[in-house]
N, C-alpha and C. Protein backbone atom coordinates (compact mmCIF):
# COMPACT_ATOMS: atom_id res chain seq x y z
N MET A 1 122.13 144.89 131.11
CA MET A 1 121.64 145.25 129.57
C MET A 1 122.85 144.76 128.62
N THR A 2 122.55 144.43 127.81
CA THR A 2 123.60 143.75 126.61
C THR A 2 123.88 144.86 125.58
N GLU A 3 125.31 144.96 125.43
CA GLU A 3 125.75 145.92 124.50
C GLU A 3 125.95 145.02 123.07
N THR A 4 125.66 145.74 121.95
CA THR A 4 125.70 145.04 120.67
C THR A 4 126.99 145.77 119.97
N ASN A 5 128.00 144.93 119.46
CA ASN A 5 129.05 145.69 118.85
C ASN A 5 128.85 145.76 117.39
N PHE A 6 128.66 146.89 116.67
CA PHE A 6 128.60 146.71 115.09
C PHE A 6 130.08 147.02 114.46
N GLN A 7 130.09 146.29 113.44
CA GLN A 7 131.48 146.36 112.76
C GLN A 7 131.28 147.31 111.55
N TYR A 8 132.23 148.36 111.57
CA TYR A 8 132.06 149.26 110.42
C TYR A 8 132.99 148.59 109.20
N LEU A 9 132.27 148.70 108.11
CA LEU A 9 133.04 148.14 106.87
C LEU A 9 133.28 149.28 105.96
N SER A 10 134.43 149.49 105.57
CA SER A 10 134.58 150.50 104.39
C SER A 10 134.02 150.22 103.09
N PRO A 11 134.01 151.08 102.20
CA PRO A 11 133.38 150.79 100.83
C PRO A 11 134.13 149.76 100.24
N ILE A 12 135.50 149.63 100.17
CA ILE A 12 136.17 148.48 99.57
C ILE A 12 135.93 147.22 100.10
N GLN A 13 135.84 147.22 101.65
CA GLN A 13 135.48 145.87 102.23
C GLN A 13 134.23 145.26 101.83
N ARG A 14 133.26 146.37 101.75
CA ARG A 14 131.80 145.78 101.48
C ARG A 14 131.83 145.35 99.90
N VAL A 15 132.59 146.00 99.11
CA VAL A 15 132.72 145.25 97.65
C VAL A 15 133.27 143.74 97.83
N PHE A 16 134.38 143.80 98.53
CA PHE A 16 135.01 142.65 98.54
C PHE A 16 134.24 141.49 99.16
N ARG A 17 133.27 141.83 100.17
CA ARG A 17 132.49 140.77 100.77
C ARG A 17 131.34 140.26 99.92
N ARG A 18 130.62 141.41 99.15
CA ARG A 18 129.75 140.86 98.10
C ARG A 18 130.27 140.14 97.03
N SER A 19 131.52 140.46 96.67
CA SER A 19 132.21 139.54 95.60
C SER A 19 132.32 138.12 95.97
N HIS A 20 132.98 138.13 97.27
CA HIS A 20 133.09 136.94 97.85
C HIS A 20 131.71 136.06 97.93
N LEU A 21 130.81 136.54 98.26
CA LEU A 21 129.54 135.84 98.40
C LEU A 21 128.91 135.33 96.99
N ALA A 22 129.19 136.19 95.93
CA ALA A 22 128.93 135.91 94.51
C ALA A 22 129.60 134.68 94.32
N LEU A 23 131.05 134.62 94.46
CA LEU A 23 131.79 133.54 93.98
C LEU A 23 131.45 132.20 94.83
N VAL A 24 131.22 132.29 96.00
CA VAL A 24 130.69 131.10 96.71
C VAL A 24 129.24 130.68 95.95
N SER A 25 128.34 131.53 95.68
CA SER A 25 127.10 131.03 95.35
C SER A 25 127.29 130.32 93.85
N ILE A 26 128.20 131.02 93.00
CA ILE A 26 128.58 130.36 91.61
C ILE A 26 129.12 128.98 91.88
N ALA A 27 130.12 128.78 92.94
CA ALA A 27 130.72 127.56 93.10
C ALA A 27 129.57 126.36 93.32
N VAL A 28 128.69 126.96 94.46
CA VAL A 28 127.71 125.96 94.75
C VAL A 28 126.77 125.59 93.49
N MET A 29 126.35 126.48 92.77
CA MET A 29 125.63 126.35 91.53
C MET A 29 126.36 125.22 90.43
N ILE A 30 127.65 125.51 90.41
CA ILE A 30 128.35 124.64 89.61
C ILE A 30 128.45 123.14 89.93
N LEU A 31 128.75 122.97 91.48
CA LEU A 31 128.86 121.68 92.05
C LEU A 31 127.44 120.97 91.96
N LEU A 32 126.16 121.77 92.21
CA LEU A 32 124.97 121.21 92.11
C LEU A 32 124.76 120.81 90.55
N GLY A 33 125.16 121.50 89.75
CA GLY A 33 124.96 121.07 88.15
C GLY A 33 125.90 119.91 87.87
N LEU A 34 127.10 119.74 88.34
CA LEU A 34 127.85 118.56 88.15
C LEU A 34 127.22 117.41 88.93
N GLY A 35 126.52 117.40 90.14
CA GLY A 35 125.99 116.52 90.80
C GLY A 35 124.74 115.93 90.07
N VAL A 36 123.86 116.94 89.50
CA VAL A 36 122.87 116.44 88.58
C VAL A 36 123.25 115.72 87.52
N PHE A 37 124.39 116.23 86.91
CA PHE A 37 124.76 115.45 85.66
C PHE A 37 125.35 114.11 85.93
N VAL A 38 126.00 113.94 87.13
CA VAL A 38 126.71 112.66 87.35
C VAL A 38 125.42 111.66 87.66
N TRP A 39 124.52 112.00 88.53
CA TRP A 39 123.36 111.21 88.97
C TRP A 39 122.52 110.83 87.77
N ALA A 40 122.35 111.84 86.77
CA ALA A 40 121.52 111.65 85.43
C ALA A 40 122.33 110.77 84.60
N ASP A 41 123.42 110.57 84.57
CA ASP A 41 124.34 109.66 83.74
C ASP A 41 124.22 108.20 84.11
N ARG A 42 123.16 107.42 83.43
CA ARG A 42 123.12 106.05 84.02
C ARG A 42 123.99 105.21 83.34
N SER A 43 125.01 104.51 84.08
CA SER A 43 125.75 103.56 83.41
C SER A 43 125.13 102.24 82.73
N PRO A 44 125.75 101.65 81.71
CA PRO A 44 124.79 100.65 81.34
C PRO A 44 124.95 99.43 82.08
N GLU A 45 125.99 99.46 82.98
CA GLU A 45 126.06 98.37 83.93
C GLU A 45 125.35 98.49 85.15
N VAL A 46 124.52 99.38 85.32
CA VAL A 46 123.70 99.49 86.58
C VAL A 46 122.23 99.15 86.28
N PRO A 47 121.55 98.18 87.21
CA PRO A 47 120.19 98.13 86.87
C PRO A 47 119.37 99.18 87.25
N TYR A 48 118.22 99.21 86.40
CA TYR A 48 117.32 100.40 86.56
C TYR A 48 115.87 100.01 86.10
N VAL A 49 114.75 100.91 86.59
CA VAL A 49 113.43 100.86 86.26
C VAL A 49 112.99 101.78 85.35
N MET A 50 112.20 101.59 84.53
CA MET A 50 111.36 102.46 83.63
C MET A 50 109.93 102.32 83.66
N PRO A 51 109.15 103.51 83.89
CA PRO A 51 109.49 104.74 84.40
C PRO A 51 110.03 104.76 85.74
N ALA A 52 110.95 105.52 86.02
CA ALA A 52 111.37 105.76 87.47
C ALA A 52 110.39 106.37 88.23
N LEU A 53 109.74 107.42 87.75
CA LEU A 53 108.55 108.40 88.08
C LEU A 53 107.56 108.36 87.25
N GLU A 54 106.39 108.22 87.60
CA GLU A 54 105.26 108.42 86.81
C GLU A 54 104.11 109.23 87.37
N ASN A 55 103.53 110.18 86.50
CA ASN A 55 102.69 111.16 87.11
C ASN A 55 101.38 110.62 86.54
N ILE A 56 100.47 110.09 87.39
CA ILE A 56 99.15 109.57 87.01
C ILE A 56 98.09 110.67 86.78
N GLY A 57 98.36 111.90 87.23
CA GLY A 57 97.32 112.98 87.16
C GLY A 57 96.29 112.88 88.22
N GLU A 58 94.99 113.19 88.17
CA GLU A 58 93.99 113.28 89.02
C GLU A 58 93.22 111.92 89.06
N LEU A 59 92.93 111.60 90.36
CA LEU A 59 92.06 110.28 90.54
C LEU A 59 91.12 110.50 91.51
N ASP A 60 90.07 109.75 91.49
CA ASP A 60 88.96 109.90 92.50
C ASP A 60 89.30 109.16 93.65
N GLN A 61 88.86 109.33 94.79
CA GLN A 61 89.10 108.59 96.00
C GLN A 61 88.17 107.27 95.94
N LEU A 62 88.57 106.30 96.67
CA LEU A 62 87.85 105.03 96.74
C LEU A 62 87.89 104.19 95.37
N VAL A 63 89.05 104.48 94.65
CA VAL A 63 89.17 103.63 93.39
C VAL A 63 90.60 102.97 93.40
N GLN A 64 90.67 101.96 92.73
CA GLN A 64 91.98 101.19 92.60
C GLN A 64 92.44 101.15 91.06
N ILE A 65 93.63 101.40 90.91
CA ILE A 65 94.20 101.42 89.49
C ILE A 65 95.52 100.47 89.48
N GLU A 66 95.72 100.09 88.40
CA GLU A 66 97.08 99.26 88.26
C GLU A 66 97.98 100.05 87.16
N ARG A 67 99.31 100.08 87.57
CA ARG A 67 100.25 100.62 86.78
C ARG A 67 101.42 99.48 86.65
N ARG A 68 102.28 99.59 85.55
CA ARG A 68 103.27 98.69 85.38
C ARG A 68 104.65 99.31 85.22
N PHE A 69 105.62 98.75 85.67
CA PHE A 69 106.93 99.32 85.41
C PHE A 69 107.87 98.27 85.06
N THR A 70 108.96 98.55 84.53
CA THR A 70 109.96 97.46 84.00
C THR A 70 111.32 97.47 84.70
N LEU A 71 111.86 96.48 85.27
CA LEU A 71 113.12 96.33 85.71
C LEU A 71 114.04 95.72 84.71
N HIS A 72 115.15 96.64 84.38
CA HIS A 72 116.09 96.09 83.44
C HIS A 72 117.43 95.60 84.04
N ASN A 73 117.93 94.57 83.51
CA ASN A 73 119.24 94.00 84.09
C ASN A 73 120.26 94.07 82.84
N PRO A 74 121.09 95.18 82.81
CA PRO A 74 122.02 95.26 81.57
C PRO A 74 123.41 94.56 82.18
N THR A 75 123.56 94.17 83.35
CA THR A 75 124.75 93.50 83.65
C THR A 75 125.00 92.11 83.10
N ASP A 76 126.16 91.56 83.19
CA ASP A 76 126.45 90.29 82.68
C ASP A 76 126.36 89.17 83.91
N GLU A 77 125.35 89.28 84.93
CA GLU A 77 125.31 88.32 85.77
C GLU A 77 123.80 88.43 86.50
N ASP A 78 123.42 87.35 86.96
CA ASP A 78 122.08 87.31 87.52
C ASP A 78 121.83 88.21 88.78
N LEU A 79 120.67 88.75 88.87
CA LEU A 79 120.23 89.65 89.82
C LEU A 79 119.09 88.95 90.59
N THR A 80 119.19 88.85 91.95
CA THR A 80 118.08 88.31 92.61
C THR A 80 117.42 89.37 93.32
N ILE A 81 116.18 89.51 93.10
CA ILE A 81 115.15 90.40 93.82
C ILE A 81 114.81 89.73 95.14
N SER A 82 115.56 90.34 96.27
CA SER A 82 115.39 89.53 97.55
C SER A 82 114.41 90.20 98.52
N ASP A 83 114.19 91.48 98.27
CA ASP A 83 113.19 92.00 99.00
C ASP A 83 112.30 92.99 98.32
N VAL A 84 111.15 93.50 98.69
CA VAL A 84 110.20 94.66 97.91
C VAL A 84 109.80 95.43 99.29
N ARG A 85 109.89 96.75 99.13
CA ARG A 85 109.42 97.55 100.20
C ARG A 85 108.66 98.72 99.51
N THR A 86 107.69 98.90 100.15
CA THR A 86 106.70 99.98 99.57
C THR A 86 106.55 101.11 100.79
N SER A 87 106.13 102.34 100.02
CA SER A 87 106.01 103.49 101.15
C SER A 87 104.58 103.55 102.01
N CYS A 88 103.57 102.59 101.48
CA CYS A 88 102.33 102.30 102.33
C CYS A 88 101.67 101.33 101.90
N THR A 89 100.71 100.67 102.61
CA THR A 89 100.18 99.47 102.36
C THR A 89 99.02 99.80 101.28
N CYS A 90 98.94 100.99 100.68
CA CYS A 90 97.98 101.19 99.44
C CYS A 90 98.54 100.85 98.23
N THR A 91 99.85 100.57 98.38
CA THR A 91 100.56 100.37 97.11
C THR A 91 101.15 99.00 97.13
N VAL A 92 100.75 98.13 96.16
CA VAL A 92 100.87 96.64 96.38
C VAL A 92 101.53 96.06 94.85
N PRO A 93 102.91 95.59 94.93
CA PRO A 93 103.31 95.10 93.62
C PRO A 93 102.88 93.69 93.63
N ASP A 94 102.66 93.19 92.34
CA ASP A 94 102.35 91.78 92.23
C ASP A 94 103.78 91.01 91.93
N LEU A 95 104.40 90.61 92.92
CA LEU A 95 105.82 90.14 92.55
C LEU A 95 106.16 88.99 93.72
N ASP A 96 106.43 87.95 93.38
CA ASP A 96 107.03 86.75 94.24
C ASP A 96 108.36 86.68 94.39
N ILE A 97 108.81 86.85 95.55
CA ILE A 97 110.22 86.93 95.86
C ILE A 97 110.62 85.84 96.63
N PRO A 98 111.89 85.30 96.77
CA PRO A 98 112.86 85.82 95.86
C PRO A 98 112.56 85.46 94.30
N LEU A 99 113.30 86.16 93.47
CA LEU A 99 112.95 86.13 91.96
C LEU A 99 114.52 86.44 91.32
N VAL A 100 114.80 85.55 90.39
CA VAL A 100 116.07 85.75 89.67
C VAL A 100 115.82 86.42 88.48
N LEU A 101 116.58 87.43 88.03
CA LEU A 101 116.48 88.07 86.70
C LEU A 101 117.90 87.83 86.02
N PRO A 102 117.73 87.00 84.94
CA PRO A 102 118.95 86.76 84.33
C PRO A 102 119.74 88.03 83.61
N PRO A 103 120.89 87.93 82.97
CA PRO A 103 121.62 89.04 82.45
C PRO A 103 120.80 89.41 81.25
N GLY A 104 120.89 90.70 80.81
CA GLY A 104 120.34 91.27 79.69
C GLY A 104 118.67 91.15 79.67
N GLU A 105 118.14 90.52 80.63
CA GLU A 105 116.73 90.44 80.59
C GLU A 105 115.80 91.75 81.24
N THR A 106 114.56 91.79 80.99
CA THR A 106 113.71 92.66 81.65
C THR A 106 112.54 92.09 82.29
N LEU A 107 111.89 92.45 83.49
CA LEU A 107 110.92 92.09 83.96
C LEU A 107 109.79 93.00 84.17
N GLU A 108 108.59 92.93 83.69
CA GLU A 108 107.56 93.79 83.78
C GLU A 108 106.69 93.49 85.28
N ILE A 109 106.49 94.60 86.15
CA ILE A 109 105.95 94.34 87.28
C ILE A 109 104.79 95.20 87.45
N PRO A 110 103.56 94.47 87.72
CA PRO A 110 102.36 95.34 87.99
C PRO A 110 102.21 95.82 89.35
N VAL A 111 101.71 96.85 89.56
CA VAL A 111 101.52 97.65 90.92
C VAL A 111 100.05 98.03 90.93
N THR A 112 99.50 97.75 92.28
CA THR A 112 98.03 98.30 92.38
C THR A 112 98.05 99.37 93.42
N PHE A 113 97.20 100.33 92.97
CA PHE A 113 97.31 101.42 94.14
C PHE A 113 95.75 101.69 94.49
N ASP A 114 95.70 101.83 95.77
CA ASP A 114 94.19 101.87 96.33
C ASP A 114 94.06 103.34 96.95
N SER A 115 93.24 104.12 96.24
CA SER A 115 93.10 105.55 96.86
C SER A 115 92.14 105.61 98.00
N LYS A 116 91.57 104.65 98.61
CA LYS A 116 90.62 104.62 99.55
C LYS A 116 90.93 105.49 100.76
N ARG A 117 92.31 105.43 101.34
CA ARG A 117 92.72 106.34 102.38
C ARG A 117 93.44 107.32 102.13
N ALA A 118 93.46 107.85 100.65
CA ALA A 118 94.49 108.81 100.36
C ALA A 118 93.56 110.12 99.91
N SER A 119 94.19 111.28 100.12
CA SER A 119 93.52 112.50 99.57
C SER A 119 94.76 113.49 99.36
N GLY A 120 94.41 114.49 98.30
CA GLY A 120 95.28 115.50 98.09
C GLY A 120 96.54 114.83 97.19
N LYS A 121 97.52 115.53 97.29
CA LYS A 121 98.84 115.06 96.36
C LYS A 121 99.45 114.03 97.06
N ARG A 122 99.76 112.94 96.41
CA ARG A 122 100.60 111.84 97.00
C ARG A 122 101.39 111.42 96.13
N THR A 123 102.50 110.88 96.68
CA THR A 123 103.53 110.23 95.98
C THR A 123 104.19 108.78 96.67
N ASN A 124 103.86 107.75 96.06
CA ASN A 124 104.09 106.21 96.58
C ASN A 124 105.20 105.65 95.84
N ALA A 125 105.92 105.03 96.51
CA ALA A 125 106.97 104.26 95.98
C ALA A 125 107.01 102.81 96.20
N VAL A 126 107.83 102.01 95.28
CA VAL A 126 108.07 100.65 95.48
C VAL A 126 109.61 100.47 95.15
N ALA A 127 110.26 100.13 96.28
CA ALA A 127 111.75 99.69 96.20
C ALA A 127 112.01 98.31 96.10
N LEU A 128 112.89 97.78 95.07
CA LEU A 128 113.24 96.64 94.95
C LEU A 128 114.75 96.55 95.39
N VAL A 129 115.01 95.42 96.29
CA VAL A 129 116.29 95.27 96.68
C VAL A 129 116.94 94.12 95.89
N LEU A 130 118.09 94.40 95.27
CA LEU A 130 118.67 93.55 94.39
C LEU A 130 120.05 92.87 94.94
N ARG A 131 120.25 91.62 94.78
CA ARG A 131 121.67 91.14 95.19
C ARG A 131 122.19 90.46 94.09
N LYS A 132 123.61 90.50 94.10
CA LYS A 132 124.46 89.89 93.07
C LYS A 132 124.72 88.32 93.54
N PRO A 133 125.37 87.54 92.71
CA PRO A 133 125.76 86.32 93.04
C PRO A 133 126.82 86.37 94.12
N ARG A 134 126.70 85.55 95.02
CA ARG A 134 127.82 85.35 96.22
C ARG A 134 129.04 84.88 95.68
N HIS A 135 129.20 84.30 94.72
CA HIS A 135 130.70 84.04 94.00
C HIS A 135 131.41 84.87 93.71
N ASN A 136 130.88 86.25 93.32
CA ASN A 136 131.53 87.39 92.79
C ASN A 136 132.04 88.11 93.94
N LEU A 137 133.28 87.66 94.59
CA LEU A 137 133.76 88.23 95.69
C LEU A 137 134.69 89.44 95.43
N ASP A 138 135.06 89.78 94.17
CA ASP A 138 135.83 90.95 93.89
C ASP A 138 135.03 92.14 93.73
N ASP A 139 133.80 92.08 93.66
CA ASP A 139 132.84 93.25 93.48
C ASP A 139 132.43 93.74 94.92
N PRO A 140 132.78 94.88 95.22
CA PRO A 140 132.52 95.42 96.69
C PRO A 140 131.00 95.75 96.90
N VAL A 141 130.22 95.95 95.79
CA VAL A 141 128.79 96.24 95.81
C VAL A 141 128.05 94.98 95.48
N ARG A 142 127.34 94.38 96.63
CA ARG A 142 126.79 93.06 96.65
C ARG A 142 125.34 93.20 96.61
N GLN A 143 124.84 94.59 96.93
CA GLN A 143 123.49 94.80 96.91
C GLN A 143 123.16 96.13 96.75
N MET A 144 121.88 96.47 95.95
CA MET A 144 121.61 97.76 95.56
C MET A 144 120.06 97.76 95.57
N VAL A 145 119.50 99.06 95.46
CA VAL A 145 118.14 99.33 95.67
C VAL A 145 117.81 100.06 94.39
N VAL A 146 116.68 99.64 93.77
CA VAL A 146 116.18 100.57 92.42
C VAL A 146 114.78 100.93 93.03
N GLN A 147 114.17 102.02 92.49
CA GLN A 147 112.83 102.42 92.80
C GLN A 147 112.05 102.97 91.78
N TYR A 148 110.79 102.73 91.79
CA TYR A 148 109.66 103.16 91.00
C TYR A 148 108.79 103.88 91.91
N ALA A 149 108.14 105.11 91.33
CA ALA A 149 107.40 105.98 92.31
C ALA A 149 106.29 106.50 91.19
N MET A 150 105.11 106.60 91.85
CA MET A 150 103.96 107.23 91.23
C MET A 150 103.46 108.30 91.90
N SER A 151 103.27 109.39 91.26
CA SER A 151 102.32 110.67 91.96
C SER A 151 101.05 110.82 91.28
N ALA A 152 100.16 111.35 92.14
CA ALA A 152 98.90 111.51 91.80
C ALA A 152 98.23 112.53 92.86
N PHE A 153 97.14 113.14 92.31
CA PHE A 153 96.19 114.16 93.10
C PHE A 153 94.91 113.40 93.14
N ILE A 154 94.68 113.01 94.81
CA ILE A 154 93.40 112.25 94.93
C ILE A 154 92.33 113.35 95.20
N ARG A 155 91.22 113.29 94.37
CA ARG A 155 90.06 114.10 94.72
C ARG A 155 89.38 113.27 95.75
N PRO A 156 89.01 114.13 96.92
CA PRO A 156 88.24 113.54 97.95
C PRO A 156 86.85 113.23 97.65
N GLU A 157 86.35 112.15 98.24
CA GLU A 157 84.96 111.65 98.02
C GLU A 157 84.12 112.58 98.80
N VAL A 158 84.28 113.06 100.08
CA VAL A 158 83.47 113.97 100.71
C VAL A 158 84.40 115.12 101.12
N TRP A 159 83.85 116.29 101.01
CA TRP A 159 84.80 117.44 101.52
C TRP A 159 83.74 118.65 102.02
N VAL A 160 84.20 119.51 102.76
CA VAL A 160 83.67 120.51 103.17
C VAL A 160 83.64 121.76 102.23
N ASP A 161 82.50 122.26 101.83
CA ASP A 161 82.48 123.44 100.92
C ASP A 161 82.16 124.63 101.61
N ALA A 162 83.44 125.29 102.14
CA ALA A 162 83.08 126.49 102.87
C ALA A 162 84.63 127.14 103.05
N SER A 163 84.53 128.35 103.35
CA SER A 163 85.80 129.19 103.47
C SER A 163 86.19 129.01 105.09
N PRO A 164 87.40 129.29 105.54
CA PRO A 164 87.58 129.32 106.89
C PRO A 164 86.63 130.21 107.71
N ILE A 165 86.02 129.73 108.89
CA ILE A 165 85.10 130.48 109.56
C ILE A 165 85.86 131.13 110.53
N GLU A 166 85.59 132.64 110.66
CA GLU A 166 85.97 133.40 111.51
C GLU A 166 84.99 133.91 112.67
N LEU A 167 85.34 133.66 113.93
CA LEU A 167 84.35 133.90 114.92
C LEU A 167 84.54 135.18 115.58
N ALA A 168 85.71 135.67 115.62
CA ALA A 168 86.32 136.80 116.42
C ALA A 168 86.03 136.68 117.84
N GLU A 169 85.71 137.57 118.65
CA GLU A 169 85.73 137.34 120.20
C GLU A 169 84.24 136.78 120.54
N ILE A 170 84.33 135.77 121.35
CA ILE A 170 83.11 134.99 121.76
C ILE A 170 82.83 135.27 123.25
N ALA A 171 81.74 135.69 123.83
CA ALA A 171 81.73 135.49 125.33
C ALA A 171 81.14 134.11 125.65
N ILE A 172 81.39 133.90 126.88
CA ILE A 172 81.19 132.60 127.42
C ILE A 172 79.57 132.26 127.34
N ASP A 173 78.84 133.32 127.62
CA ASP A 173 77.39 132.88 127.65
C ASP A 173 76.76 133.33 126.25
N GLN A 174 77.39 133.48 125.27
CA GLN A 174 76.75 134.12 123.98
C GLN A 174 77.25 133.13 122.95
N PRO A 175 76.74 131.88 122.75
CA PRO A 175 77.16 131.10 121.53
C PRO A 175 76.88 131.68 120.30
N GLN A 176 77.67 131.54 119.13
CA GLN A 176 77.44 131.81 117.81
C GLN A 176 77.27 130.69 116.98
N LEU A 177 76.39 130.86 116.02
CA LEU A 177 76.12 129.95 114.99
C LEU A 177 76.67 130.36 113.64
N ARG A 178 77.35 129.26 113.02
CA ARG A 178 77.74 129.26 111.70
C ARG A 178 77.54 128.18 110.81
N GLU A 179 77.44 128.27 109.69
CA GLU A 179 77.14 127.02 108.95
C GLU A 179 78.14 126.77 107.76
N PHE A 180 78.32 125.40 107.46
CA PHE A 180 79.16 124.80 106.31
C PHE A 180 78.44 123.92 105.67
N ARG A 181 78.82 123.50 104.57
CA ARG A 181 78.13 122.45 103.64
C ARG A 181 79.10 121.31 103.43
N LEU A 182 78.47 120.24 103.52
CA LEU A 182 79.26 118.94 103.20
C LEU A 182 78.79 118.55 101.83
N ARG A 183 79.75 118.08 100.96
CA ARG A 183 79.47 117.74 99.62
C ARG A 183 80.03 116.34 99.29
N SER A 184 79.33 115.41 98.58
CA SER A 184 79.90 114.16 98.26
C SER A 184 79.90 114.34 96.70
N ARG A 185 80.92 113.41 96.25
CA ARG A 185 81.06 113.38 94.61
C ARG A 185 80.29 112.41 94.03
N HIS A 186 79.65 111.34 94.71
CA HIS A 186 79.01 110.20 94.08
C HIS A 186 77.97 109.85 94.89
N ASP A 187 78.10 109.10 95.82
CA ASP A 187 77.04 108.30 96.76
C ASP A 187 76.49 109.22 97.83
N ASP A 188 75.35 108.81 98.21
CA ASP A 188 74.89 109.44 99.55
C ASP A 188 75.33 108.91 100.70
N TYR A 189 75.79 109.74 101.77
CA TYR A 189 76.42 109.38 102.91
C TYR A 189 75.58 109.61 104.17
N ARG A 190 75.78 108.91 105.12
CA ARG A 190 74.94 109.23 106.54
C ARG A 190 76.04 109.57 107.46
N ILE A 191 75.85 110.74 108.25
CA ILE A 191 76.81 111.27 109.20
C ILE A 191 76.61 110.30 110.45
N GLY A 192 77.52 109.49 110.80
CA GLY A 192 77.31 108.72 111.83
C GLY A 192 77.77 109.36 113.33
N ARG A 193 78.75 110.29 113.32
CA ARG A 193 79.25 110.73 114.66
C ARG A 193 79.75 112.06 114.38
N VAL A 194 79.47 113.16 115.19
CA VAL A 194 80.11 114.49 115.14
C VAL A 194 80.96 114.61 116.41
N ARG A 195 82.14 115.19 116.22
CA ARG A 195 83.08 115.31 117.41
C ARG A 195 83.88 116.43 117.11
N PRO A 196 84.23 117.37 118.18
CA PRO A 196 84.92 118.58 118.06
C PRO A 196 86.37 118.16 117.80
N SER A 197 87.07 118.89 116.96
CA SER A 197 88.55 118.77 116.75
C SER A 197 89.41 119.25 117.68
N VAL A 198 88.93 120.13 118.68
CA VAL A 198 89.50 120.93 119.72
C VAL A 198 88.75 120.92 120.99
N GLY A 199 89.11 120.35 122.13
CA GLY A 199 88.38 120.18 123.28
C GLY A 199 88.16 121.49 123.96
N PRO A 200 87.28 121.57 124.90
CA PRO A 200 87.03 122.96 125.80
C PRO A 200 88.31 123.26 126.44
N ALA A 201 88.36 124.68 126.69
CA ALA A 201 89.66 125.29 127.30
C ALA A 201 89.41 124.75 128.73
N ALA A 202 90.74 124.51 129.37
CA ALA A 202 90.80 124.28 130.74
C ALA A 202 90.35 125.35 131.67
């Protein structure tokens, strides 16, 4: 049998402990606020994209859309886009790399999003890997990454129109029948195969 030791706290100790927790919470909020302020303060010497995050809204499934974002180079030296990375194959930027962006210039980059395999709330990103000139040996930062992201809610083309089905207790030799309805947004579909999502119990 395990014994549990309870620590008795006097009223003064309780007040002190609550005050200590309150001070810790205030300190954490101040640090978070400073962190947000520092990260939100964009230096004019740092490359960036606009918009950094774009909310597209609602989209139907099985459609393709194109969006554009702009890469800014406010520095005084060339930047080379050496690599492009995406969060999924459904998001494809139209960009040939490597590509050099001169100082003070901007570059508009088109992005195609295919919602064929997406549904529900989605956020997809395009990351650009930027490199500085090799002759600048005094700068410790030789490579950086800037990112553009788009968010959308994908309305499914086909969905189940039913509430969760509750079967309660079922006897082995007494099967129960329940119904649900499939709906499609546009075209007619043929059900090619039906399979259970959970196999029979062992």
